[in-house]
Amino acid sequence: MLLVALGWAVFHGQLQFNILVNESSGITPVWFLLVFLMALLASSLLEEFEQALKTWLASIVFSVVIVLLLITLPIAFGVLASEFAPLILAGSIQPMATLLILTAPINLLGCFLGQMLRK
């Protein structure tokens, strides 16, 4: 269950980070389809619906942690001054929350359908 949650979180973290960093990429219908298919695949790998819900919640938390770690890497490596850390974090919270609000229902739907197709 933990490996599925980490894989799901890495997928979402990568997509969220890509959208935060590359403004030109934006959110497209293909992006929503990929999110749905990943949720369907991750849910179909789990035995019970309760496990799928716990994994869904864990993947949301892990993806936020991954994105925050990736955003602060330039400061950790000394490329940017540490004075920029609060500015970078404060500027990324609102877009990341918007992305989570957009993707959480799609993930939940994919999680539910993955369990229904499994049975």
C-alpha atoms as a PDB file:
ATOM      1  CA  MET A   1       0.000   0.000   0.000  1.00  0.00           C
ATOM      2  CA  LEU A   2       2.822   2.395   0.849  1.00  0.00           C
ATOM      3  CA  LEU A   3       4.590   1.778  -2.459  1.00  0.00           C
ATOM      4  CA  VAL A   4       1.398   2.458  -4.406  1.00  0.00           C
ATOM      5  CA  ALA A   5       0.891   5.688  -2.435  1.00  0.00           C
ATOM      6  CA  LEU A   6       4.471   6.779  -3.081  1.00  0.00           C
ATOM      7  CA  GLY A   7       4.218   6.010  -6.791  1.00  0.00           C
ATOM      8  CA  TRP A   8       0.924   7.848  -7.038  1.00  0.00           C
ATOM      9  CA  ALA A   9       2.413  10.798  -5.133  1.00  0.00           C
ATOM     10  CA  VAL A  10       5.504  10.949  -7.336  1.00  0.00           C
ATOM     11  CA  PHE A  11       3.268  11.059 -10.404  1.00  0.00           C
ATOM     12  CA  HIS A  12       1.136  13.870  -8.980  1.00  0.00           C
ATOM     13  CA  GLY A  13       4.117  15.718  -7.584  1.00  0.00           C
ATOM     14  CA  GLN A  14       5.804  15.693 -10.966  1.00  0.00           C
ATOM     15  CA  LEU A  15       2.698  16.990 -12.728  1.00  0.00           C
ATOM     16  CA  GLN A  16       2.067  19.677 -10.110  1.00  0.00           C
ATOM     17  CA  PHE A  17       5.695  20.793 -10.139  1.00  0.00           C
ATOM     18  CA  ASN A  18       5.693  20.919 -13.941  1.00  0.00           C
ATOM     19  CA  ILE A  19       2.595  23.119 -13.949  1.00  0.00           C
ATOM     20  CA  LEU A  20       3.985  25.385 -11.207  1.00  0.00           C
ATOM     21  CA  VAL A  21       7.330  25.869 -12.936  1.00  0.00           C
ATOM     22  CA  ASN A  22       6.224  25.964 -16.591  1.00  0.00           C
ATOM     23  CA  GLU A  23       3.401  28.438 -16.902  1.00  0.00           C
ATOM     24  CA  SER A  24       3.081  27.688 -20.616  1.00  0.00           C
ATOM     25  CA  SER A  25       2.201  24.018 -20.038  1.00  0.00           C
ATOM     26  CA  GLY A  26      -1.025  24.779 -18.158  1.00  0.00           C
ATOM     27  CA  ILE A  27      -3.776  22.362 -17.340  1.00  0.00           C
ATOM     28  CA  THR A  28      -5.077  20.556 -20.405  1.00  0.00           C
ATOM     29  CA  PRO A  29      -7.735  17.852 -20.855  1.00  0.00           C
ATOM     30  CA  VAL A  30      -4.922  15.361 -21.482  1.00  0.00           C
ATOM     31  CA  TRP A  31      -3.579  16.194 -18.038  1.00  0.00           C
ATOM     32  CA  PHE A  32      -6.949  15.386 -16.452  1.00  0.00           C
ATOM     33  CA  LEU A  33      -7.105  12.128 -18.407  1.00  0.00           C
ATOM     34  CA  LEU A  34      -3.645  11.134 -17.144  1.00  0.00           C
ATOM     35  CA  VAL A  35      -4.658  11.918 -13.559  1.00  0.00           C
ATOM     36  CA  PHE A  36      -7.801   9.802 -13.924  1.00  0.00           C
ATOM     37  CA  LEU A  37      -5.949   6.866 -15.509  1.00  0.00           C
ATOM     38  CA  MET A  38      -3.275   6.935 -12.820  1.00  0.00           C
ATOM     39  CA  ALA A  39      -5.946   6.880 -10.102  1.00  0.00           C
ATOM     40  CA  LEU A  40      -7.674   3.993 -11.869  1.00  0.00           C
ATOM     41  CA  LEU A  41      -4.421   2.034 -12.109  1.00  0.00           C
ATOM     42  CA  ALA A  42      -3.348   2.722  -8.533  1.00  0.00           C
ATOM     43  CA  SER A  43      -6.746   1.775  -7.156  1.00  0.00           C
ATOM     44  CA  SER A  44      -6.891  -1.433  -9.152  1.00  0.00           C
ATOM     45  CA  LEU A  45      -3.637  -2.548  -7.515  1.00  0.00           C
ATOM     46  CA  LEU A  46      -5.199  -2.463  -4.043  1.00  0.00           C
ATOM     47  CA  GLU A  47      -7.374  -5.110  -2.414  1.00  0.00           C
ATOM     48  CA  GLU A  48     -10.100  -3.171  -0.614  1.00  0.00           C
ATOM     49  CA  PHE A  49     -11.867   0.144  -0.972  1.00  0.00           C
ATOM     50  CA  GLU A  50     -10.635   1.297   2.451  1.00  0.00           C
ATOM     51  CA  GLN A  51      -7.052   0.719   1.358  1.00  0.00           C
ATOM     52  CA  ALA A  52      -7.702   2.664  -1.827  1.00  0.00           C
ATOM     53  CA  LEU A  53      -9.074   5.629   0.128  1.00  0.00           C
ATOM     54  CA  LYS A  54      -6.163   5.589   2.571  1.00  0.00           C
ATOM     55  CA  THR A  55      -3.727   5.425  -0.336  1.00  0.00           C
ATOM     56  CA  TRP A  56      -5.519   8.306  -2.066  1.00  0.00           C
ATOM     57  CA  LEU A  57      -5.227  10.476   1.040  1.00  0.00           C
ATOM     58  CA  ALA A  58      -1.605   9.482   1.605  1.00  0.00           C
ATOM     59  CA  SER A  59      -0.722  10.257  -2.008  1.00  0.00           C
ATOM     60  CA  ILE A  60      -2.164  13.766  -1.671  1.00  0.00           C
ATOM     61  CA  VAL A  61      -0.040  14.432   1.413  1.00  0.00           C
ATOM     62  CA  PHE A  62       3.083  12.892  -0.121  1.00  0.00           C
ATOM     63  CA  SER A  63       2.659  14.870  -3.369  1.00  0.00           C
ATOM     64  CA  VAL A  64       2.475  18.151  -1.461  1.00  0.00           C
ATOM     65  CA  VAL A  65       5.643  17.243   0.435  1.00  0.00           C
ATOM     66  CA  ILE A  66       7.406  16.276  -2.807  1.00  0.00           C
ATOM     67  CA  VAL A  67       6.461  19.542  -4.521  1.00  0.00           C
ATOM     68  CA  LEU A  68       7.541  21.622  -1.526  1.00  0.00           C
ATOM     69  CA  LEU A  69      10.873  19.791  -1.430  1.00  0.00           C
ATOM     70  CA  LEU A  70      11.411  20.317  -5.161  1.00  0.00           C
ATOM     71  CA  ILE A  71      10.563  24.005  -4.913  1.00  0.00           C
ATOM     72  CA  THR A  72      13.050  24.582  -2.111  1.00  0.00           C
ATOM     73  CA  LEU A  73      15.926  22.652  -3.730  1.00  0.00           C
ATOM     74  CA  PRO A  74      17.549  25.777  -5.271  1.00  0.00           C
ATOM     75  CA  ILE A  75      17.712  27.309  -1.806  1.00  0.00           C
ATOM     76  CA  ALA A  76      19.091  24.111  -0.283  1.00  0.00           C
ATOM     77  CA  PHE A  77      21.850  23.927  -2.909  1.00  0.00           C
ATOM     78  CA  GLY A  78      22.724  27.591  -2.460  1.00  0.00           C
ATOM     79  CA  VAL A  79      21.609  28.756  -5.905  1.00  0.00           C
ATOM     80  CA  LEU A  80      19.155  31.205  -4.324  1.00  0.00           C
ATOM     81  CA  ALA A  81      19.613  33.134  -1.116  1.00  0.00           C
ATOM     82  CA  SER A  82      17.735  31.791   1.899  1.00  0.00           C
ATOM     83  CA  GLU A  83      15.840  35.090   2.141  1.00  0.00           C
ATOM     84  CA  PHE A  84      13.786  33.933  -0.846  1.00  0.00           C
ATOM     85  CA  ALA A  85      12.449  30.813   0.921  1.00  0.00           C
ATOM     86  CA  PRO A  86       9.349  32.427   2.489  1.00  0.00           C
ATOM     87  CA  LEU A  87       8.602  34.217  -0.762  1.00  0.00           C
ATOM     88  CA  ILE A  88       8.870  31.055  -2.845  1.00  0.00           C
ATOM     89  CA  LEU A  89       6.800  28.974  -0.428  1.00  0.00           C
ATOM     90  CA  ALA A  90       4.117  31.644  -0.030  1.00  0.00           C
ATOM     91  CA  GLY A  91       3.893  32.078  -3.787  1.00  0.00           C
ATOM     92  CA  SER A  92       3.497  28.364  -4.446  1.00  0.00           C
ATOM     93  CA  ILE A  93       0.872  27.516  -1.803  1.00  0.00           C
ATOM     94  CA  GLN A  94      -2.131  29.026  -3.616  1.00  0.00           C
ATOM     95  CA  PRO A  95      -1.422  27.460  -7.049  1.00  0.00           C
ATOM     96  CA  MET A  96      -0.719  24.110  -5.419  1.00  0.00           C
ATOM     97  CA  ALA A  97      -3.983  24.287  -3.463  1.00  0.00           C
ATOM     98  CA  THR A  98      -5.838  25.083  -6.678  1.00  0.00           C
ATOM     99  CA  LEU A  99      -4.277  22.076  -8.401  1.00  0.00           C
ATOM    100  CA  LEU A 100      -5.239  19.827  -5.504  1.00  0.00           C
ATOM    101  CA  ILE A 101      -8.801  21.123  -5.533  1.00  0.00           C
ATOM    102  CA  LEU A 102      -9.018  20.378  -9.262  1.00  0.00           C
ATOM    103  CA  THR A 103      -7.467  16.916  -9.103  1.00  0.00           C
ATOM    104  CA  ALA A 104      -8.784  15.486  -5.822  1.00  0.00           C
ATOM    105  CA  PRO A 105     -12.308  14.738  -7.160  1.00  0.00           C
ATOM    106  CA  ILE A 106     -10.880  13.191 -10.328  1.00  0.00           C
ATOM    107  CA  ASN A 107      -8.583  11.017  -8.227  1.00  0.00           C
ATOM    108  CA  LEU A 108     -11.439   9.972  -5.977  1.00  0.00           C
ATOM    109  CA  LEU A 109     -13.573   9.055  -8.988  1.00  0.00           C
ATOM    110  CA  GLY A 110     -10.691   7.053 -10.500  1.00  0.00           C
ATOM    111  CA  CYS A 111     -10.114   5.400  -7.137  1.00  0.00           C
ATOM    112  CA  PHE A 112     -13.770   4.400  -6.884  1.00  0.00           C
ATOM    113  CA  LEU A 113     -13.978   3.126 -10.478  1.00  0.00           C
ATOM    114  CA  GLY A 114     -10.709   1.217 -10.104  1.00  0.00           C
ATOM    115  CA  GLN A 115     -12.193  -0.679  -7.175  1.00  0.00           C
ATOM    116  CA  MET A 116     -15.457  -1.295  -9.021  1.00  0.00           C
ATOM    117  CA  LEU A 117     -13.621  -2.686 -12.052  1.00  0.00           C
ATOM    118  CA  ARG A 118     -11.510  -4.872  -9.789  1.00  0.00           C
ATOM    119  CA  LYS A 119     -14.533  -6.630  -8.280  1.00  0.00           C
END
